[in-house]
Amino acid sequence: MVTFYTKEDYAKAYTELLEILKYIPNTSFEKIPNEVIEMYELNKDSTYIFHYDMNVSFELQNVMQLTRILIANLYIDYWATDKQRELIQKHDNEEFEQLELEKRKLYDPDNIFSNRKNAISKNVSHEQQTSLAIVKDYNIFTKLIKKIRKMLHIDKS
């Protein structure tokens, strides 16, 4: 499932991230380019207050999901070894393939109509499935033509 974040969400996440980065070792912090830190500083929410407690594990802290994603991106981009990056990429590819497989099963063009037929047959009787409905298409032009025909007494409907 794709989640969309607002500009405000990012601003709060940057605030949380900057607070958390205060507690990482300097050797790790220095691996992050200054431009990235400056971008976080420029776009953070100055009114949002977040406190990170070093005495509580990270998993138990009230950290936004977006902040966790940003930390994961920092890890992948600046702290992970090549082997770790490769394993993460492999894991991501496997998850992506699994999602694609599920989508293919759900939207398989060979079975989409049979799935629809089965869903319809559960809700509608056979007689209702085979009956035809007459639907009149009424758009503005059709209505206008009908009114003109009626006024001229050439109504064909």
N, C-alpha and C. Protein backbone atom coordinates (compact mmCIF):
# COMPACT_ATOMS: atom_id res chain seq x y z
N MET A 1 0.84 -1.17 0.00
CA MET A 1 0.00 0.00 0.00
C MET A 1 0.89 1.24 0.00
N VAL A 2 0.54 2.17 -0.84
CA VAL A 2 1.31 3.38 -0.96
C VAL A 2 0.71 4.43 -0.03
N THR A 3 1.58 5.09 0.73
CA THR A 3 1.13 6.15 1.62
C THR A 3 1.67 7.46 1.08
N PHE A 4 0.82 8.46 1.05
CA PHE A 4 1.22 9.77 0.60
C PHE A 4 1.35 10.68 1.82
N TYR A 5 2.44 11.42 1.89
CA TYR A 5 2.70 12.30 3.01
C TYR A 5 2.60 13.75 2.56
N THR A 6 2.10 14.59 3.44
CA THR A 6 1.97 16.02 3.15
C THR A 6 3.28 16.74 3.46
N LYS A 7 3.34 17.97 3.06
CA LYS A 7 4.50 18.80 3.34
C LYS A 7 4.67 18.95 4.86
N GLU A 8 3.55 19.06 5.57
CA GLU A 8 3.57 19.18 7.03
C GLU A 8 4.11 17.90 7.68
N ASP A 9 3.74 16.75 7.12
CA ASP A 9 4.26 15.48 7.62
C ASP A 9 5.78 15.44 7.50
N TYR A 10 6.28 15.87 6.34
CA TYR A 10 7.72 15.89 6.13
C TYR A 10 8.40 16.86 7.10
N ALA A 11 7.79 18.01 7.32
CA ALA A 11 8.38 19.00 8.22
C ALA A 11 8.52 18.42 9.63
N LYS A 12 7.49 17.75 10.10
CA LYS A 12 7.54 17.13 11.43
C LYS A 12 8.56 15.99 11.47
N ALA A 13 8.60 15.21 10.40
CA ALA A 13 9.55 14.10 10.34
C ALA A 13 10.99 14.62 10.34
N TYR A 14 11.25 15.72 9.63
CA TYR A 14 12.59 16.32 9.64
C TYR A 14 12.95 16.78 11.05
N THR A 15 11.98 17.35 11.77
CA THR A 15 12.22 17.79 13.15
C THR A 15 12.60 16.60 14.02
N GLU A 16 11.83 15.52 13.90
CA GLU A 16 12.14 14.31 14.67
C GLU A 16 13.51 13.75 14.29
N LEU A 17 13.78 13.71 13.01
CA LEU A 17 15.05 13.16 12.52
C LEU A 17 16.23 13.95 13.06
N LEU A 18 16.14 15.27 13.00
CA LEU A 18 17.23 16.10 13.50
C LEU A 18 17.46 15.88 14.99
N GLU A 19 16.39 15.69 15.73
CA GLU A 19 16.53 15.42 17.17
C GLU A 19 17.21 14.07 17.40
N ILE A 20 16.82 13.08 16.65
CA ILE A 20 17.42 11.73 16.78
C ILE A 20 18.89 11.76 16.37
N LEU A 21 19.21 12.52 15.33
CA LEU A 21 20.59 12.58 14.85
C LEU A 21 21.55 13.19 15.88
N LYS A 22 21.01 13.91 16.84
CA LYS A 22 21.86 14.46 17.91
C LYS A 22 22.49 13.35 18.75
N TYR A 23 21.89 12.17 18.73
CA TYR A 23 22.32 11.09 19.61
C TYR A 23 23.13 10.00 18.90
N ILE A 24 23.41 10.19 17.63
CA ILE A 24 24.22 9.18 16.93
C ILE A 24 25.69 9.56 17.05
N PRO A 25 26.58 8.61 16.89
CA PRO A 25 28.02 8.92 16.97
C PRO A 25 28.44 9.92 15.89
N ASN A 26 29.40 10.75 16.21
CA ASN A 26 29.90 11.76 15.27
C ASN A 26 30.40 11.14 13.98
N THR A 27 31.00 9.97 14.06
CA THR A 27 31.52 9.33 12.85
C THR A 27 30.39 9.01 11.86
N SER A 28 29.24 8.64 12.40
CA SER A 28 28.08 8.36 11.54
C SER A 28 27.46 9.66 11.03
N PHE A 29 27.36 10.65 11.91
CA PHE A 29 26.77 11.93 11.53
C PHE A 29 27.57 12.59 10.42
N GLU A 30 28.89 12.50 10.49
CA GLU A 30 29.75 13.15 9.50
C GLU A 30 29.65 12.52 8.12
N LYS A 31 29.10 11.33 8.02
CA LYS A 31 28.93 10.68 6.72
C LYS A 31 27.76 11.27 5.93
N ILE A 32 26.88 11.97 6.63
CA ILE A 32 25.73 12.60 5.97
C ILE A 32 26.21 13.93 5.40
N PRO A 33 25.99 14.17 4.09
CA PRO A 33 26.44 15.43 3.50
C PRO A 33 25.77 16.64 4.17
N ASN A 34 26.53 17.74 4.26
CA ASN A 34 26.02 18.97 4.87
C ASN A 34 24.76 19.48 4.16
N GLU A 35 24.69 19.28 2.85
CA GLU A 35 23.51 19.75 2.09
C GLU A 35 22.24 19.05 2.57
N VAL A 36 22.37 17.79 2.91
CA VAL A 36 21.21 17.02 3.37
C VAL A 36 20.75 17.55 4.74
N ILE A 37 21.69 17.75 5.64
CA ILE A 37 21.36 18.28 6.96
C ILE A 37 20.76 19.67 6.84
N GLU A 38 21.32 20.50 5.97
CA GLU A 38 20.80 21.85 5.75
C GLU A 38 19.37 21.80 5.21
N MET A 39 19.10 20.85 4.32
CA MET A 39 17.75 20.71 3.77
C MET A 39 16.77 20.35 4.89
N TYR A 40 17.18 19.43 5.78
CA TYR A 40 16.33 19.08 6.92
C TYR A 40 16.09 20.30 7.80
N GLU A 41 17.14 21.07 8.06
CA GLU A 41 17.03 22.26 8.91
C GLU A 41 16.09 23.30 8.29
N LEU A 42 16.23 23.52 6.99
CA LEU A 42 15.41 24.52 6.31
C LEU A 42 13.93 24.14 6.26
N ASN A 43 13.66 22.85 6.19
CA ASN A 43 12.29 22.39 5.99
C ASN A 43 11.63 21.81 7.23
N LYS A 44 12.29 21.87 8.37
CA LYS A 44 11.71 21.32 9.59
C LYS A 44 10.58 22.20 10.10
N ASP A 45 9.76 21.63 10.95
CA ASP A 45 8.66 22.36 11.59
C ASP A 45 9.20 22.92 12.91
N SER A 46 9.43 24.21 12.96
CA SER A 46 10.01 24.84 14.15
C SER A 46 9.07 24.86 15.33
N THR A 47 7.77 24.72 15.06
CA THR A 47 6.79 24.76 16.16
C THR A 47 6.56 23.38 16.77
N TYR A 48 6.96 22.34 16.05
CA TYR A 48 6.76 20.97 16.53
C TYR A 48 7.87 20.61 17.50
N ILE A 49 7.49 20.10 18.65
CA ILE A 49 8.46 19.73 19.68
C ILE A 49 8.48 18.22 19.81
N PHE A 50 9.69 17.67 19.69
CA PHE A 50 9.89 16.23 19.81
C PHE A 50 11.09 15.99 20.70
N HIS A 51 10.93 15.10 21.66
CA HIS A 51 12.04 14.74 22.55
C HIS A 51 12.34 13.26 22.38
N TYR A 52 13.60 12.98 22.18
CA TYR A 52 14.06 11.60 22.05
C TYR A 52 14.67 11.19 23.38
N ASP A 53 14.22 10.06 23.91
CA ASP A 53 14.71 9.58 25.20
C ASP A 53 15.67 8.43 24.97
N MET A 54 16.93 8.67 25.29
CA MET A 54 17.96 7.64 25.10
C MET A 54 17.77 6.44 26.03
N ASN A 55 16.98 6.59 27.08
CA ASN A 55 16.76 5.50 28.04
C ASN A 55 15.67 4.53 27.58
N VAL A 56 14.98 4.89 26.51
CA VAL A 56 13.90 4.05 25.97
C VAL A 56 14.33 3.58 24.59
N SER A 57 14.05 2.30 24.27
CA SER A 57 14.46 1.78 22.97
C SER A 57 13.74 2.52 21.84
N PHE A 58 14.37 2.54 20.70
CA PHE A 58 13.83 3.26 19.54
C PHE A 58 12.43 2.76 19.18
N GLU A 59 12.22 1.44 19.23
CA GLU A 59 10.93 0.85 18.86
C GLU A 59 9.79 1.34 19.74
N LEU A 60 10.10 1.69 20.99
CA LEU A 60 9.06 2.12 21.93
C LEU A 60 8.83 3.63 21.92
N GLN A 61 9.64 4.35 21.18
CA GLN A 61 9.49 5.81 21.10
C GLN A 61 8.34 6.15 20.15
N ASN A 62 7.74 7.28 20.38
CA ASN A 62 6.64 7.74 19.53
C ASN A 62 7.22 8.49 18.33
N VAL A 63 7.77 7.71 17.39
CA VAL A 63 8.41 8.27 16.20
C VAL A 63 7.50 8.02 15.01
N MET A 64 7.32 9.05 14.19
CA MET A 64 6.46 8.92 13.00
C MET A 64 7.02 7.86 12.05
N GLN A 65 6.13 7.23 11.30
CA GLN A 65 6.54 6.23 10.30
C GLN A 65 7.44 6.88 9.25
N LEU A 66 7.13 8.10 8.87
CA LEU A 66 7.94 8.80 7.87
C LEU A 66 9.36 9.03 8.39
N THR A 67 9.50 9.32 9.67
CA THR A 67 10.83 9.50 10.26
C THR A 67 11.61 8.20 10.19
N ARG A 68 10.93 7.10 10.46
CA ARG A 68 11.58 5.79 10.38
C ARG A 68 12.06 5.52 8.95
N ILE A 69 11.26 5.91 7.99
CA ILE A 69 11.63 5.73 6.57
C ILE A 69 12.85 6.59 6.24
N LEU A 70 12.87 7.82 6.74
CA LEU A 70 14.01 8.71 6.49
C LEU A 70 15.29 8.15 7.10
N ILE A 71 15.17 7.59 8.30
CA ILE A 71 16.34 6.98 8.94
C ILE A 71 16.82 5.78 8.13
N ALA A 72 15.89 4.98 7.65
CA ALA A 72 16.26 3.83 6.82
C ALA A 72 16.98 4.29 5.56
N ASN A 73 16.50 5.38 4.97
CA ASN A 73 17.16 5.92 3.77
C ASN A 73 18.56 6.41 4.09
N LEU A 74 18.73 7.07 5.23
CA LEU A 74 20.07 7.51 5.63
C LEU A 74 20.98 6.30 5.80
N TYR A 75 20.45 5.26 6.42
CA TYR A 75 21.24 4.05 6.63
C TYR A 75 21.70 3.47 5.29
N ILE A 76 20.75 3.33 4.37
CA ILE A 76 21.08 2.75 3.07
C ILE A 76 22.07 3.63 2.31
N ASP A 77 21.83 4.94 2.32
CA ASP A 77 22.65 5.85 1.52
C ASP A 77 24.05 6.11 2.10
N TYR A 78 24.17 6.15 3.44
CA TYR A 78 25.42 6.63 4.02
C TYR A 78 26.10 5.68 5.01
N TRP A 79 25.38 4.79 5.63
CA TRP A 79 25.97 4.00 6.70
C TRP A 79 26.15 2.52 6.35
N ALA A 80 25.34 2.00 5.46
CA ALA A 80 25.39 0.56 5.14
C ALA A 80 26.62 0.23 4.30
N THR A 81 27.12 -0.98 4.51
CA THR A 81 28.21 -1.47 3.66
C THR A 81 27.62 -1.90 2.33
N ASP A 82 28.48 -2.16 1.37
CA ASP A 82 28.00 -2.61 0.05
C ASP A 82 27.21 -3.91 0.18
N LYS A 83 27.69 -4.81 1.03
CA LYS A 83 27.01 -6.09 1.22
C LYS A 83 25.62 -5.88 1.84
N GLN A 84 25.54 -4.97 2.81
CA GLN A 84 24.24 -4.68 3.43
C GLN A 84 23.28 -4.06 2.42
N ARG A 85 23.79 -3.15 1.60
CA ARG A 85 22.95 -2.55 0.56
C ARG A 85 22.43 -3.62 -0.40
N GLU A 86 23.31 -4.53 -0.76
CA GLU A 86 22.94 -5.62 -1.67
C GLU A 86 21.83 -6.48 -1.06
N LEU A 87 21.95 -6.81 0.22
CA LEU A 87 20.92 -7.61 0.90
C LEU A 87 19.60 -6.86 0.98
N ILE A 88 19.68 -5.57 1.27
CA ILE A 88 18.46 -4.76 1.34
C ILE A 88 17.80 -4.70 -0.03
N GLN A 89 18.59 -4.49 -1.07
CA GLN A 89 18.06 -4.44 -2.43
C GLN A 89 17.40 -5.76 -2.81
N LYS A 90 18.05 -6.86 -2.44
CA LYS A 90 17.50 -8.18 -2.73
C LYS A 90 16.16 -8.36 -2.01
N HIS A 91 16.10 -7.96 -0.75
CA HIS A 91 14.86 -8.07 0.03
C HIS A 91 13.76 -7.21 -0.59
N ASP A 92 14.10 -5.98 -0.97
CA ASP A 92 13.12 -5.09 -1.61
C ASP A 92 12.61 -5.68 -2.92
N ASN A 93 13.50 -6.26 -3.71
CA ASN A 93 13.09 -6.87 -4.98
C ASN A 93 12.14 -8.04 -4.76
N GLU A 94 12.42 -8.86 -3.74
CA GLU A 94 11.55 -9.99 -3.42
C GLU A 94 10.16 -9.50 -3.00
N GLU A 95 10.12 -8.46 -2.17
CA GLU A 95 8.83 -7.91 -1.75
C GLU A 95 8.08 -7.33 -2.94
N PHE A 96 8.78 -6.64 -3.82
CA PHE A 96 8.16 -6.06 -5.00
C PHE A 96 7.59 -7.15 -5.90
N GLU A 97 8.36 -8.21 -6.11
CA GLU A 97 7.89 -9.32 -6.94
C GLU A 97 6.66 -9.98 -6.33
N GLN A 98 6.62 -10.11 -5.01
CA GLN A 98 5.47 -10.70 -4.33
C GLN A 98 4.23 -9.82 -4.52
N LEU A 99 4.40 -8.51 -4.40
CA LEU A 99 3.28 -7.59 -4.63
C LEU A 99 2.79 -7.66 -6.07
N GLU A 100 3.71 -7.73 -7.01
CA GLU A 100 3.34 -7.84 -8.42
C GLU A 100 2.60 -9.14 -8.70
N LEU A 101 3.03 -10.22 -8.08
CA LEU A 101 2.36 -11.51 -8.24
C LEU A 101 0.93 -11.45 -7.71
N GLU A 102 0.76 -10.82 -6.57
CA GLU A 102 -0.59 -10.67 -6.01
C GLU A 102 -1.46 -9.82 -6.91
N LYS A 103 -0.89 -8.75 -7.49
CA LYS A 103 -1.65 -7.92 -8.42
C LYS A 103 -2.04 -8.70 -9.67
N ARG A 104 -1.10 -9.51 -10.18
CA ARG A 104 -1.40 -10.32 -11.37
C ARG A 104 -2.54 -11.29 -11.10
N LYS A 105 -2.54 -11.90 -9.92
CA LYS A 105 -3.61 -12.82 -9.58
C LYS A 105 -4.94 -12.09 -9.49
N LEU A 106 -4.92 -10.91 -8.92
CA LEU A 106 -6.14 -10.15 -8.72
C LEU A 106 -6.69 -9.60 -10.04
N TYR A 107 -5.79 -9.15 -10.92
CA TYR A 107 -6.22 -8.50 -12.16
C TYR A 107 -5.84 -9.30 -13.40
N ASP A 108 -5.77 -10.61 -13.29
CA ASP A 108 -5.40 -11.46 -14.42
C ASP A 108 -6.41 -11.30 -15.55
N PRO A 109 -5.98 -10.86 -16.74
CA PRO A 109 -6.92 -10.64 -17.83
C PRO A 109 -7.64 -11.91 -18.28
N ASP A 110 -7.04 -13.06 -18.09
CA ASP A 110 -7.69 -14.30 -18.49
C ASP A 110 -8.83 -14.67 -17.55
N ASN A 111 -8.71 -14.28 -16.30
CA ASN A 111 -9.71 -14.67 -15.31
C ASN A 111 -10.58 -13.52 -14.82
N ILE A 112 -10.32 -12.31 -15.28
CA ILE A 112 -11.04 -11.16 -14.73
C ILE A 112 -12.54 -11.27 -14.98
N PHE A 113 -12.92 -11.78 -16.16
CA PHE A 113 -14.35 -11.89 -16.46
C PHE A 113 -14.99 -13.06 -15.74
N SER A 114 -14.25 -14.14 -15.56
CA SER A 114 -14.81 -15.26 -14.81
C SER A 114 -14.97 -14.89 -13.34
N ASN A 115 -14.02 -14.12 -12.81
CA ASN A 115 -14.16 -13.65 -11.43
C ASN A 115 -15.36 -12.73 -11.29
N ARG A 116 -15.56 -11.88 -12.29
CA ARG A 116 -16.70 -10.97 -12.26
C ARG A 116 -18.00 -11.75 -12.38
N LYS A 117 -18.01 -12.75 -13.26
CA LYS A 117 -19.20 -13.56 -13.46
C LYS A 117 -19.56 -14.29 -12.16
N ASN A 118 -18.55 -14.82 -11.48
CA ASN A 118 -18.79 -15.50 -10.21
C ASN A 118 -19.33 -14.54 -9.16
N ALA A 119 -18.79 -13.34 -9.12
CA ALA A 119 -19.25 -12.35 -8.14
C ALA A 119 -20.67 -11.92 -8.45
N ILE A 120 -20.98 -11.76 -9.74
CA ILE A 120 -22.34 -11.36 -10.12
C ILE A 120 -23.32 -12.48 -9.83
N SER A 121 -22.95 -13.71 -10.14
CA SER A 121 -23.88 -14.83 -9.96
C SER A 121 -24.22 -15.04 -8.49
N LYS A 122 -23.38 -14.63 -7.59
CA LYS A 122 -23.70 -14.76 -6.17
C LYS A 122 -24.77 -13.76 -5.76
N ASN A 123 -24.82 -12.61 -6.43
CA ASN A 123 -25.73 -11.54 -6.03
C ASN A 123 -26.99 -11.44 -6.90
N VAL A 124 -26.98 -12.03 -8.09
CA VAL A 124 -28.08 -11.85 -9.04
C VAL A 124 -28.54 -13.21 -9.55
N SER A 125 -29.84 -13.38 -9.72
CA SER A 125 -30.37 -14.64 -10.23
C SER A 125 -30.02 -14.80 -11.71
N HIS A 126 -30.16 -16.03 -12.24
CA HIS A 126 -29.84 -16.31 -13.63
C HIS A 126 -30.72 -15.49 -14.56
N GLU A 127 -31.98 -15.34 -14.22
CA GLU A 127 -32.92 -14.59 -15.04
C GLU A 127 -32.48 -13.13 -15.14
N GLN A 128 -32.02 -12.56 -14.03
CA GLN A 128 -31.58 -11.17 -14.04
C GLN A 128 -30.28 -11.02 -14.82
N GLN A 129 -29.43 -12.04 -14.81
CA GLN A 129 -28.16 -11.97 -15.52
C GLN A 129 -28.36 -11.96 -17.03
N THR A 130 -29.35 -12.71 -17.52
CA THR A 130 -29.53 -12.86 -18.95
C THR A 130 -30.49 -11.84 -19.54
N SER A 131 -31.22 -11.10 -18.71
CA SER A 131 -32.16 -10.12 -19.24
C SER A 131 -31.42 -8.87 -19.70
N LEU A 132 -31.97 -8.25 -20.70
CA LEU A 132 -31.39 -7.03 -21.24
C LEU A 132 -32.12 -5.83 -20.68
N ALA A 133 -31.40 -4.79 -20.45
CA ALA A 133 -32.00 -3.56 -19.96
C ALA A 133 -31.91 -2.52 -21.06
N ILE A 134 -32.96 -1.75 -21.23
CA ILE A 134 -32.96 -0.67 -22.21
C ILE A 134 -32.57 0.59 -21.46
N VAL A 135 -31.52 1.16 -21.93
CA VAL A 135 -31.01 2.37 -21.30
C VAL A 135 -31.04 3.48 -22.33
N LYS A 136 -31.71 4.55 -21.99
CA LYS A 136 -31.76 5.69 -22.91
C LYS A 136 -30.62 6.62 -22.54
N ASP A 137 -29.90 7.03 -23.56
CA ASP A 137 -28.79 7.95 -23.36
C ASP A 137 -29.33 9.36 -23.49
N TYR A 138 -29.39 10.05 -22.39
CA TYR A 138 -29.88 11.42 -22.40
C TYR A 138 -28.75 12.37 -22.08
N ASN A 139 -28.23 12.98 -23.11
CA ASN A 139 -27.29 14.06 -22.88
C ASN A 139 -27.95 15.35 -23.32
N ILE A 140 -27.31 16.45 -23.17
CA ILE A 140 -27.90 17.75 -23.45
C ILE A 140 -28.31 17.89 -24.91
N PHE A 141 -27.52 17.31 -25.83
CA PHE A 141 -27.85 17.43 -27.24
C PHE A 141 -29.08 16.60 -27.60
N THR A 142 -29.17 15.41 -27.03
CA THR A 142 -30.32 14.56 -27.27
C THR A 142 -31.59 15.24 -26.78
N LYS A 143 -31.55 15.82 -25.61
CA LYS A 143 -32.70 16.53 -25.06
C LYS A 143 -33.09 17.71 -25.95
N LEU A 144 -32.11 18.44 -26.43
CA LEU A 144 -32.38 19.59 -27.28
C LEU A 144 -33.04 19.15 -28.59
N ILE A 145 -32.52 18.10 -29.21
CA ILE A 145 -33.10 17.60 -30.46
C ILE A 145 -34.52 17.12 -30.22
N LYS A 146 -34.77 16.42 -29.12
CA LYS A 146 -36.13 15.94 -28.81
C LYS A 146 -37.10 17.11 -28.64
N LYS A 147 -36.65 18.18 -27.97
CA LYS A 147 -37.52 19.35 -27.79
C LYS A 147 -37.84 19.99 -29.14
N ILE A 148 -36.84 20.10 -30.01
CA ILE A 148 -37.06 20.70 -31.33
C ILE A 148 -38.03 19.84 -32.13
N ARG A 149 -37.84 18.53 -32.11
CA ARG A 149 -38.74 17.62 -32.84
C ARG A 149 -40.16 17.72 -32.30
N LYS A 150 -40.28 17.82 -30.99
CA LYS A 150 -41.60 17.91 -30.38
C LYS A 150 -42.29 19.22 -30.80
N MET A 151 -41.51 20.29 -30.84
CA MET A 151 -42.09 21.57 -31.24
C MET A 151 -42.50 21.55 -32.71
N LEU A 152 -41.75 20.81 -33.53
CA LEU A 152 -42.08 20.71 -34.96
C LEU A 152 -43.02 19.54 -35.26
N HIS A 153 -43.43 18.84 -34.24
CA HIS A 153 -44.34 17.70 -34.36
C HIS A 153 -43.74 16.56 -35.19
N ILE A 154 -42.44 16.31 -35.06
CA ILE A 154 -41.80 15.17 -35.69
C ILE A 154 -41.19 14.25 -34.63
N ASP A 155 -41.91 14.02 -33.60
CA ASP A 155 -41.40 13.22 -32.49
C ASP A 155 -41.35 11.76 -32.91
N LYS A 156 -40.17 11.13 -32.89
CA LYS A 156 -39.99 9.74 -33.29
C LYS A 156 -39.79 8.83 -32.12
N SER A 157 -39.81 9.29 -30.89
CA SER A 157 -39.52 8.42 -29.74
C SER A 157 -40.71 7.66 -29.27
